[in-house]
Full PDB file with SEQRES, HELIX, SHEET, SSBOND, CRYST1, ORIGX, SCALE, CONECT and MASTER records, all heavy atoms in Angstrom:
SEQRES   1 A   34  GLU THR ASP VAL VAL LEU LEU ILE ASP ASP ALA ASP VAL          
SEQRES   2 A   34  GLY LEU VAL ARG PRO GLY ALA PRO VAL ARG LEU SER TYR          
SEQRES   3 A   34  GLY GLU PRO VAL THR LEU ALA ALA                              
SHEET    1 AA1 2 VAL A   5  ILE A   8  0                                        
SHEET    2 AA1 2 ALA A  11  LEU A  15 -1                                        
CRYST1    1.000    1.000    1.000  90.00  90.00  90.00 P 1           1          
ORIGX1      1.000000  0.000000  0.000000        0.00000                         
ORIGX2      0.000000  1.000000  0.000000        0.00000                         
ORIGX3      0.000000  0.000000  1.000000        0.00000                         
SCALE1      1.000000  0.000000  0.000000        0.00000                         
SCALE2      0.000000  1.000000  0.000000        0.00000                         
SCALE3      0.000000  0.000000  1.000000        0.00000                         
ATOM      1  N   GLU A   1      96.069  -5.435 234.766  1.00  0.00           N  
ATOM      2  CA  GLU A   1      96.746  -4.699 233.707  1.00  0.00           C  
ATOM      3  C   GLU A   1      98.192  -4.389 234.051  1.00  0.00           C  
ATOM      4  O   GLU A   1      99.046  -4.304 233.178  1.00  0.00           O  
ATOM      5  CB  GLU A   1      96.009  -3.392 233.415  1.00  0.00           C  
ATOM      6  CG  GLU A   1      94.595  -3.580 232.888  1.00  0.00           C  
ATOM      7  CD  GLU A   1      93.882  -2.263 232.694  1.00  0.00           C  
ATOM      8  OE1 GLU A   1      94.297  -1.264 233.319  1.00  0.00           O  
ATOM      9  OE2 GLU A   1      92.910  -2.226 231.923  1.00  0.00           O  
ATOM     10  N   THR A   2      98.481  -4.196 235.310  1.00  0.00           N  
ATOM     11  CA  THR A   2      99.825  -3.853 235.765  1.00  0.00           C  
ATOM     12  C   THR A   2      99.943  -4.241 237.231  1.00  0.00           C  
ATOM     13  O   THR A   2      98.933  -4.376 237.935  1.00  0.00           O  
ATOM     14  CB  THR A   2     100.097  -2.351 235.579  1.00  0.00           C  
ATOM     15  OG1 THR A   2     101.461  -2.066 235.908  1.00  0.00           O  
ATOM     16  CG2 THR A   2      99.179  -1.503 236.452  1.00  0.00           C  
ATOM     17  N   ASP A   3     101.159  -4.452 237.704  1.00  0.00           N  
ATOM     18  CA  ASP A   3     101.368  -4.821 239.107  1.00  0.00           C  
ATOM     19  C   ASP A   3     100.955  -3.678 240.031  1.00  0.00           C  
ATOM     20  O   ASP A   3     101.210  -2.499 239.741  1.00  0.00           O  
ATOM     21  CB  ASP A   3     102.834  -5.162 239.353  1.00  0.00           C  
ATOM     22  CG  ASP A   3     103.238  -6.497 238.740  1.00  0.00           C  
ATOM     23  OD1 ASP A   3     102.336  -7.302 238.442  1.00  0.00           O  
ATOM     24  OD2 ASP A   3     104.449  -6.723 238.577  1.00  0.00           O  
ATOM     25  N   VAL A   4     100.332  -4.056 241.142  1.00  0.00           N  
ATOM     26  CA  VAL A   4      99.907  -3.086 242.150  1.00  0.00           C  
ATOM     27  C   VAL A   4     100.508  -3.488 243.488  1.00  0.00           C  
ATOM     28  O   VAL A   4     100.445  -4.658 243.881  1.00  0.00           O  
ATOM     29  CB  VAL A   4      98.366  -3.026 242.250  1.00  0.00           C  
ATOM     30  CG1 VAL A   4      97.934  -2.142 243.418  1.00  0.00           C  
ATOM     31  CG2 VAL A   4      97.772  -2.506 240.949  1.00  0.00           C  
ATOM     32  N   VAL A   5     101.104  -2.512 244.177  1.00  0.00           N  
ATOM     33  CA  VAL A   5     101.743  -2.783 245.466  1.00  0.00           C  
ATOM     34  C   VAL A   5     100.900  -2.216 246.595  1.00  0.00           C  
ATOM     35  O   VAL A   5     100.133  -1.261 246.422  1.00  0.00           O  
ATOM     36  CB  VAL A   5     103.167  -2.197 245.528  1.00  0.00           C  
ATOM     37  CG1 VAL A   5     104.063  -2.851 244.482  1.00  0.00           C  
ATOM     38  CG2 VAL A   5     103.152  -0.684 245.342  1.00  0.00           C  
ATOM     39  N   LEU A   6     101.066  -2.824 247.774  1.00  0.00           N  
ATOM     40  CA  LEU A   6     100.408  -2.361 248.991  1.00  0.00           C  
ATOM     41  C   LEU A   6     101.442  -1.643 249.845  1.00  0.00           C  
ATOM     42  O   LEU A   6     102.496  -2.201 250.165  1.00  0.00           O  
ATOM     43  CB  LEU A   6      99.817  -3.548 249.755  1.00  0.00           C  
ATOM     44  CG  LEU A   6      99.223  -3.253 251.132  1.00  0.00           C  
ATOM     45  CD1 LEU A   6      98.041  -2.285 251.043  1.00  0.00           C  
ATOM     46  CD2 LEU A   6      98.795  -4.563 251.816  1.00  0.00           C  
ATOM     47  N   LEU A   7     101.139  -0.392 250.199  1.00  0.00           N  
ATOM     48  CA  LEU A   7     102.017   0.422 251.033  1.00  0.00           C  
ATOM     49  C   LEU A   7     101.346   0.665 252.377  1.00  0.00           C  
ATOM     50  O   LEU A   7     100.189   1.100 252.434  1.00  0.00           O  
ATOM     51  CB  LEU A   7     102.318   1.759 250.356  1.00  0.00           C  
ATOM     52  CG  LEU A   7     102.914   1.676 248.944  1.00  0.00           C  
ATOM     53  CD1 LEU A   7     102.905   3.034 248.281  1.00  0.00           C  
ATOM     54  CD2 LEU A   7     104.329   1.132 249.008  1.00  0.00           C  
ATOM     55  N   ILE A   8     102.063   0.370 253.452  1.00  0.00           N  
ATOM     56  CA  ILE A   8     101.586   0.617 254.811  1.00  0.00           C  
ATOM     57  C   ILE A   8     102.495   1.674 255.427  1.00  0.00           C  
ATOM     58  O   ILE A   8     103.670   1.411 255.701  1.00  0.00           O  
ATOM     59  CB  ILE A   8     101.611  -0.670 255.665  1.00  0.00           C  
ATOM     60  CG1 ILE A   8     100.877  -1.822 254.964  1.00  0.00           C  
ATOM     61  CG2 ILE A   8     101.027  -0.397 257.047  1.00  0.00           C  
ATOM     62  CD1 ILE A   8      99.384  -1.638 254.849  1.00  0.00           C  
ATOM     63  N   ASP A   9     101.993   2.881 255.621  1.00  0.00           N  
ATOM     64  CA  ASP A   9     102.820   4.014 256.038  1.00  0.00           C  
ATOM     65  C   ASP A   9     103.995   4.155 255.054  1.00  0.00           C  
ATOM     66  O   ASP A   9     103.774   4.382 253.877  1.00  0.00           O  
ATOM     67  CB  ASP A   9     103.272   3.858 257.489  1.00  0.00           C  
ATOM     68  CG  ASP A   9     102.123   4.059 258.472  1.00  0.00           C  
ATOM     69  OD1 ASP A   9     101.183   4.811 258.157  1.00  0.00           O  
ATOM     70  OD2 ASP A   9     102.147   3.462 259.565  1.00  0.00           O  
ATOM     71  N   ASP A  10     105.221   3.993 255.511  1.00  0.00           N  
ATOM     72  CA  ASP A  10     106.365   4.185 254.617  1.00  0.00           C  
ATOM     73  C   ASP A  10     106.926   2.873 254.075  1.00  0.00           C  
ATOM     74  O   ASP A  10     108.009   2.858 253.490  1.00  0.00           O  
ATOM     75  CB  ASP A  10     107.472   4.948 255.351  1.00  0.00           C  
ATOM     76  CG  ASP A  10     108.023   4.188 256.552  1.00  0.00           C  
ATOM     77  OD1 ASP A  10     107.367   3.232 257.003  1.00  0.00           O  
ATOM     78  OD2 ASP A  10     109.112   4.560 257.046  1.00  0.00           O  
ATOM     79  N   ALA A  11     106.199   1.754 254.264  1.00  0.00           N  
ATOM     80  CA  ALA A  11     106.727   0.447 253.886  1.00  0.00           C  
ATOM     81  C   ALA A  11     105.951  -0.167 252.720  1.00  0.00           C  
ATOM     82  O   ALA A  11     104.720  -0.207 252.730  1.00  0.00           O  
ATOM     83  CB  ALA A  11     106.677  -0.509 255.082  1.00  0.00           C  
ATOM     84  N   ASP A  12     106.687  -0.643 251.718  1.00  0.00           N  
ATOM     85  CA  ASP A  12     106.127  -1.423 250.625  1.00  0.00           C  
ATOM     86  C   ASP A  12     106.118  -2.879 251.078  1.00  0.00           C  
ATOM     87  O   ASP A  12     107.177  -3.492 251.234  1.00  0.00           O  
ATOM     88  CB  ASP A  12     107.009  -1.239 249.381  1.00  0.00           C  
ATOM     89  CG  ASP A  12     106.543  -2.059 248.182  1.00  0.00           C  
ATOM     90  OD1 ASP A  12     105.752  -2.998 248.351  1.00  0.00           O  
ATOM     91  OD2 ASP A  12     107.016  -1.770 247.059  1.00  0.00           O  
ATOM     92  N   VAL A  13     104.921  -3.451 251.297  1.00  0.00           N  
ATOM     93  CA  VAL A  13     104.843  -4.810 251.838  1.00  0.00           C  
ATOM     94  C   VAL A  13     104.633  -5.864 250.759  1.00  0.00           C  
ATOM     95  O   VAL A  13     104.565  -7.049 251.071  1.00  0.00           O  
ATOM     96  CB  VAL A  13     103.749  -4.921 252.926  1.00  0.00           C  
ATOM     97  CG1 VAL A  13     104.029  -3.947 254.062  1.00  0.00           C  
ATOM     98  CG2 VAL A  13     102.360  -4.676 252.354  1.00  0.00           C  
ATOM     99  N   GLY A  14     104.507  -5.448 249.495  1.00  0.00           N  
ATOM    100  CA  GLY A  14     104.433  -6.433 248.423  1.00  0.00           C  
ATOM    101  C   GLY A  14     103.261  -6.215 247.483  1.00  0.00           C  
ATOM    102  O   GLY A  14     102.464  -5.291 247.636  1.00  0.00           O  
ATOM    103  N   LEU A  15     103.173  -7.101 246.494  1.00  0.00           N  
ATOM    104  CA  LEU A  15     102.140  -7.015 245.470  1.00  0.00           C  
ATOM    105  C   LEU A  15     100.798  -7.530 245.977  1.00  0.00           C  
ATOM    106  O   LEU A  15     100.740  -8.412 246.841  1.00  0.00           O  
ATOM    107  CB  LEU A  15     102.550  -7.816 244.238  1.00  0.00           C  
ATOM    108  CG  LEU A  15     103.828  -7.376 243.517  1.00  0.00           C  
ATOM    109  CD1 LEU A  15     104.142  -8.340 242.380  1.00  0.00           C  
ATOM    110  CD2 LEU A  15     103.697  -5.952 242.989  1.00  0.00           C  
ATOM    111  N   VAL A  16      99.729  -6.986 245.398  1.00  0.00           N  
ATOM    112  CA  VAL A  16      98.371  -7.430 245.686  1.00  0.00           C  
ATOM    113  C   VAL A  16      97.758  -7.956 244.396  1.00  0.00           C  
ATOM    114  O   VAL A  16      97.781  -7.272 243.368  1.00  0.00           O  
ATOM    115  CB  VAL A  16      97.509  -6.284 246.256  1.00  0.00           C  
ATOM    116  CG1 VAL A  16      96.054  -6.717 246.410  1.00  0.00           C  
ATOM    117  CG2 VAL A  16      98.064  -5.826 247.595  1.00  0.00           C  
ATOM    118  N   ARG A  17      97.206  -9.161 244.439  1.00  0.00           N  
ATOM    119  CA  ARG A  17      96.612  -9.767 243.256  1.00  0.00           C  
ATOM    120  C   ARG A  17      95.261  -9.143 242.933  1.00  0.00           C  
ATOM    121  O   ARG A  17      94.511  -8.772 243.850  1.00  0.00           O  
ATOM    122  CB  ARG A  17      96.435 -11.273 243.459  1.00  0.00           C  
ATOM    123  CG  ARG A  17      97.721 -12.065 243.563  1.00  0.00           C  
ATOM    124  CD  ARG A  17      97.434 -13.543 243.719  1.00  0.00           C  
ATOM    125  NE  ARG A  17      96.816 -13.846 245.013  1.00  0.00           N  
ATOM    126  CZ  ARG A  17      95.531 -14.124 245.183  1.00  0.00           C  
ATOM    127  NH1 ARG A  17      94.709 -14.125 244.144  1.00  0.00           N  
ATOM    128  NH2 ARG A  17      95.072 -14.394 246.381  1.00  0.00           N  
ATOM    129  N   PRO A  18      94.907  -9.037 241.666  1.00  0.00           N  
ATOM    130  CA  PRO A  18      93.563  -8.586 241.293  1.00  0.00           C  
ATOM    131  C   PRO A  18      92.496  -9.486 241.928  1.00  0.00           C  
ATOM    132  O   PRO A  18      92.638 -10.711 241.944  1.00  0.00           O  
ATOM    133  CB  PRO A  18      93.550  -8.711 239.773  1.00  0.00           C  
ATOM    134  CG  PRO A  18      94.983  -8.613 239.383  1.00  0.00           C  
ATOM    135  CD  PRO A  18      95.759  -9.282 240.484  1.00  0.00           C  
ATOM    136  N   GLY A  19      91.459  -8.870 242.468  1.00  0.00           N  
ATOM    137  CA  GLY A  19      90.374  -9.605 243.095  1.00  0.00           C  
ATOM    138  C   GLY A  19      90.613  -9.974 244.539  1.00  0.00           C  
ATOM    139  O   GLY A  19      89.679 -10.415 245.226  1.00  0.00           O  
ATOM    140  N   ALA A  20      91.835  -9.810 245.038  1.00  0.00           N  
ATOM    141  CA  ALA A  20      92.135 -10.142 246.434  1.00  0.00           C  
ATOM    142  C   ALA A  20      91.799  -8.948 247.322  1.00  0.00           C  
ATOM    143  O   ALA A  20      92.379  -7.876 247.152  1.00  0.00           O  
ATOM    144  CB  ALA A  20      93.600 -10.522 246.585  1.00  0.00           C  
ATOM    145  N   PRO A  21      90.891  -9.080 248.266  1.00  0.00           N  
ATOM    146  CA  PRO A  21      90.477  -7.921 249.071  1.00  0.00           C  
ATOM    147  C   PRO A  21      91.560  -7.471 250.048  1.00  0.00           C  
ATOM    148  O   PRO A  21      92.278  -8.287 250.630  1.00  0.00           O  
ATOM    149  CB  PRO A  21      89.246  -8.441 249.815  1.00  0.00           C  
ATOM    150  CG  PRO A  21      89.459  -9.917 249.914  1.00  0.00           C  
ATOM    151  CD  PRO A  21      90.168 -10.316 248.639  1.00  0.00           C  
ATOM    152  N   VAL A  22      91.654  -6.171 250.202  1.00  0.00           N  
ATOM    153  CA  VAL A  22      92.455  -5.560 251.261  1.00  0.00           C  
ATOM    154  C   VAL A  22      91.453  -5.030 252.275  1.00  0.00           C  
ATOM    155  O   VAL A  22      90.778  -4.024 252.030  1.00  0.00           O  
ATOM    156  CB  VAL A  22      93.349  -4.430 250.714  1.00  0.00           C  
ATOM    157  CG1 VAL A  22      94.111  -3.753 251.850  1.00  0.00           C  
ATOM    158  CG2 VAL A  22      94.313  -4.973 249.667  1.00  0.00           C  
ATOM    159  N   ARG A  23      91.320  -5.726 253.394  1.00  0.00           N  
ATOM    160  CA  ARG A  23      90.284  -5.394 254.382  1.00  0.00           C  
ATOM    161  C   ARG A  23      90.841  -4.431 255.428  1.00  0.00           C  
ATOM    162  O   ARG A  23      91.914  -4.656 255.984  1.00  0.00           O  
ATOM    163  CB  ARG A  23      89.760  -6.668 255.035  1.00  0.00           C  
ATOM    164  CG  ARG A  23      89.018  -7.574 254.061  1.00  0.00           C  
ATOM    165  CD  ARG A  23      88.344  -8.735 254.760  1.00  0.00           C  
ATOM    166  NE  ARG A  23      87.502  -9.477 253.840  1.00  0.00           N  
ATOM    167  CZ  ARG A  23      87.922 -10.521 253.112  1.00  0.00           C  
ATOM    168  NH1 ARG A  23      89.184 -10.930 253.224  1.00  0.00           N  
ATOM    169  NH2 ARG A  23      87.101 -11.143 252.287  1.00  0.00           N  
ATOM    170  N   LEU A  24      90.064  -3.379 255.689  1.00  0.00           N  
ATOM    171  CA  LEU A  24      90.484  -2.320 256.600  1.00  0.00           C  
ATOM    172  C   LEU A  24      89.510  -2.208 257.769  1.00  0.00           C  
ATOM    173  O   LEU A  24      88.295  -2.238 257.576  1.00  0.00           O  
ATOM    174  CB  LEU A  24      90.542  -0.977 255.868  1.00  0.00           C  
ATOM    175  CG  LEU A  24      91.305  -0.940 254.536  1.00  0.00           C  
ATOM    176  CD1 LEU A  24      91.179   0.439 253.908  1.00  0.00           C  
ATOM    177  CD2 LEU A  24      92.753  -1.316 254.734  1.00  0.00           C  
ATOM    178  N   SER A  25      90.044  -2.070 258.957  1.00  0.00           N  
ATOM    179  CA  SER A  25      89.221  -1.838 260.149  1.00  0.00           C  
ATOM    180  C   SER A  25      90.034  -0.967 261.100  1.00  0.00           C  
ATOM    181  O   SER A  25      91.208  -0.665 260.847  1.00  0.00           O  
ATOM    182  CB  SER A  25      88.827  -3.163 260.811  1.00  0.00           C  
ATOM    183  OG  SER A  25      89.984  -3.902 261.179  1.00  0.00           O  
ATOM    184  N   TYR A  26      89.424  -0.542 262.195  1.00  0.00           N  
ATOM    185  CA  TYR A  26      90.164   0.260 263.161  1.00  0.00           C  
ATOM    186  C   TYR A  26      91.091  -0.642 263.959  1.00  0.00           C  
ATOM    187  O   TYR A  26      90.698  -1.697 264.449  1.00  0.00           O  
ATOM    188  CB  TYR A  26      89.213   1.003 264.086  1.00  0.00           C  
ATOM    189  CG  TYR A  26      88.437   2.092 263.389  1.00  0.00           C  
ATOM    190  CD1 TYR A  26      87.056   2.006 263.246  1.00  0.00           C  
ATOM    191  CD2 TYR A  26      89.088   3.195 262.861  1.00  0.00           C  
ATOM    192  CE1 TYR A  26      86.349   3.000 262.593  1.00  0.00           C  
ATOM    193  CE2 TYR A  26      88.386   4.198 262.206  1.00  0.00           C  
ATOM    194  CZ  TYR A  26      87.019   4.090 262.077  1.00  0.00           C  
ATOM    195  OH  TYR A  26      86.332   5.068 261.419  1.00  0.00           O  
ATOM    196  N   GLY A  27      92.362  -0.225 264.067  1.00  0.00           N  
ATOM    197  CA  GLY A  27      93.344  -0.979 264.823  1.00  0.00           C  
ATOM    198  C   GLY A  27      93.519  -0.420 266.224  1.00  0.00           C  
ATOM    199  O   GLY A  27      92.867   0.547 266.631  1.00  0.00           O  
ATOM    200  N   GLU A  28      94.430  -1.027 266.966  1.00  0.00           N  
ATOM    201  CA  GLU A  28      94.738  -0.564 268.293  1.00  0.00           C  
ATOM    202  C   GLU A  28      95.329   0.844 268.214  1.00  0.00           C  
ATOM    203  O   GLU A  28      96.238   1.097 267.411  1.00  0.00           O  
ATOM    204  CB  GLU A  28      95.747  -1.524 268.937  1.00  0.00           C  
ATOM    205  CG  GLU A  28      95.916  -1.356 270.423  1.00  0.00           C  
ATOM    206  CD  GLU A  28      96.791  -2.441 271.021  1.00  0.00           C  
ATOM    207  OE1 GLU A  28      97.860  -2.728 270.435  1.00  0.00           O  
ATOM    208  OE2 GLU A  28      96.418  -3.012 272.063  1.00  0.00           O  
ATOM    209  N   PRO A  29      94.832   1.776 269.014  1.00  0.00           N  
ATOM    210  CA  PRO A  29      95.314   3.156 268.901  1.00  0.00           C  
ATOM    211  C   PRO A  29      96.749   3.322 269.386  1.00  0.00           C  
ATOM    212  O   PRO A  29      97.303   2.454 270.070  1.00  0.00           O  
ATOM    213  CB  PRO A  29      94.331   3.946 269.764  1.00  0.00           C  
ATOM    214  CG  PRO A  29      93.839   2.954 270.747  1.00  0.00           C  
ATOM    215  CD  PRO A  29      93.791   1.634 270.029  1.00  0.00           C  
ATOM    216  N   VAL A  30      97.320   4.444 269.026  1.00  0.00           N  
ATOM    217  CA  VAL A  30      98.640   4.860 269.511  1.00  0.00           C  
ATOM    218  C   VAL A  30      98.444   6.064 270.426  1.00  0.00           C  
ATOM    219  O   VAL A  30      97.618   6.930 270.140  1.00  0.00           O  
ATOM    220  CB  VAL A  30      99.560   5.222 268.332  1.00  0.00           C  
ATOM    221  CG1 VAL A  30     100.789   5.993 268.791  1.00  0.00           C  
ATOM    222  CG2 VAL A  30      99.974   3.962 267.574  1.00  0.00           C  
ATOM    223  N   THR A  31      99.177   6.100 271.531  1.00  0.00           N  
ATOM    224  CA  THR A  31      99.092   7.215 272.476  1.00  0.00           C  
ATOM    225  C   THR A  31     100.287   8.141 272.275  1.00  0.00           C  
ATOM    226  O   THR A  31     101.437   7.738 272.479  1.00  0.00           O  
ATOM    227  CB  THR A  31      99.060   6.725 273.919  1.00  0.00           C  
ATOM    228  OG1 THR A  31      97.938   5.855 274.112  1.00  0.00           O  
ATOM    229  CG2 THR A  31      98.953   7.893 274.897  1.00  0.00           C  
ATOM    230  N   LEU A  32     100.021   9.366 271.824  1.00  0.00           N  
ATOM    231  CA  LEU A  32     101.064  10.370 271.680  1.00  0.00           C  
ATOM    232  C   LEU A  32     101.234  11.145 272.974  1.00  0.00           C  
ATOM    233  O   LEU A  32     100.246  11.477 273.650  1.00  0.00           O  
ATOM    234  CB  LEU A  32     100.734  11.331 270.541  1.00  0.00           C  
ATOM    235  CG  LEU A  32     100.560  10.745 269.138  1.00  0.00           C  
ATOM    236  CD1 LEU A  32     100.334  11.864 268.129  1.00  0.00           C  
ATOM    237  CD2 LEU A  32     101.766   9.895 268.741  1.00  0.00           C  
ATOM    238  N   ALA A  33     102.471  11.434 273.326  1.00  0.00           N  
ATOM    239  CA  ALA A  33     102.772  12.275 274.490  1.00  0.00           C  
ATOM    240  C   ALA A  33     102.948  13.705 273.989  1.00  0.00           C  
ATOM    241  O   ALA A  33     103.898  14.005 273.265  1.00  0.00           O  
ATOM    242  CB  ALA A  33     104.028  11.785 275.191  1.00  0.00           C  
ATOM    243  N   ALA A  34     102.017  14.572 274.343  1.00  0.00           N  
ATOM    244  CA  ALA A  34     102.064  15.965 273.915  1.00  0.00           C  
ATOM    245  C   ALA A  34     102.631  16.818 275.052  1.00  0.00           C  
ATOM    246  O   ALA A  34     102.024  16.940 276.113  1.00  0.00           O  
ATOM    247  CB  ALA A  34     100.661  16.449 273.537  1.00  0.00           C  
TER     248      ALA A  34                                                      
MASTER        0    0    0    0    2    0    0    6  247    1    0    3          
END                                                                             
């Protein structure tokens, strides 16, 4: 019906087509220095 964009944190990485899966899994962790 309308264009849909994929945002990763603060970045717009582009359009996503209807029916195209966006697959999510756990990535490599980040270590914060507290």
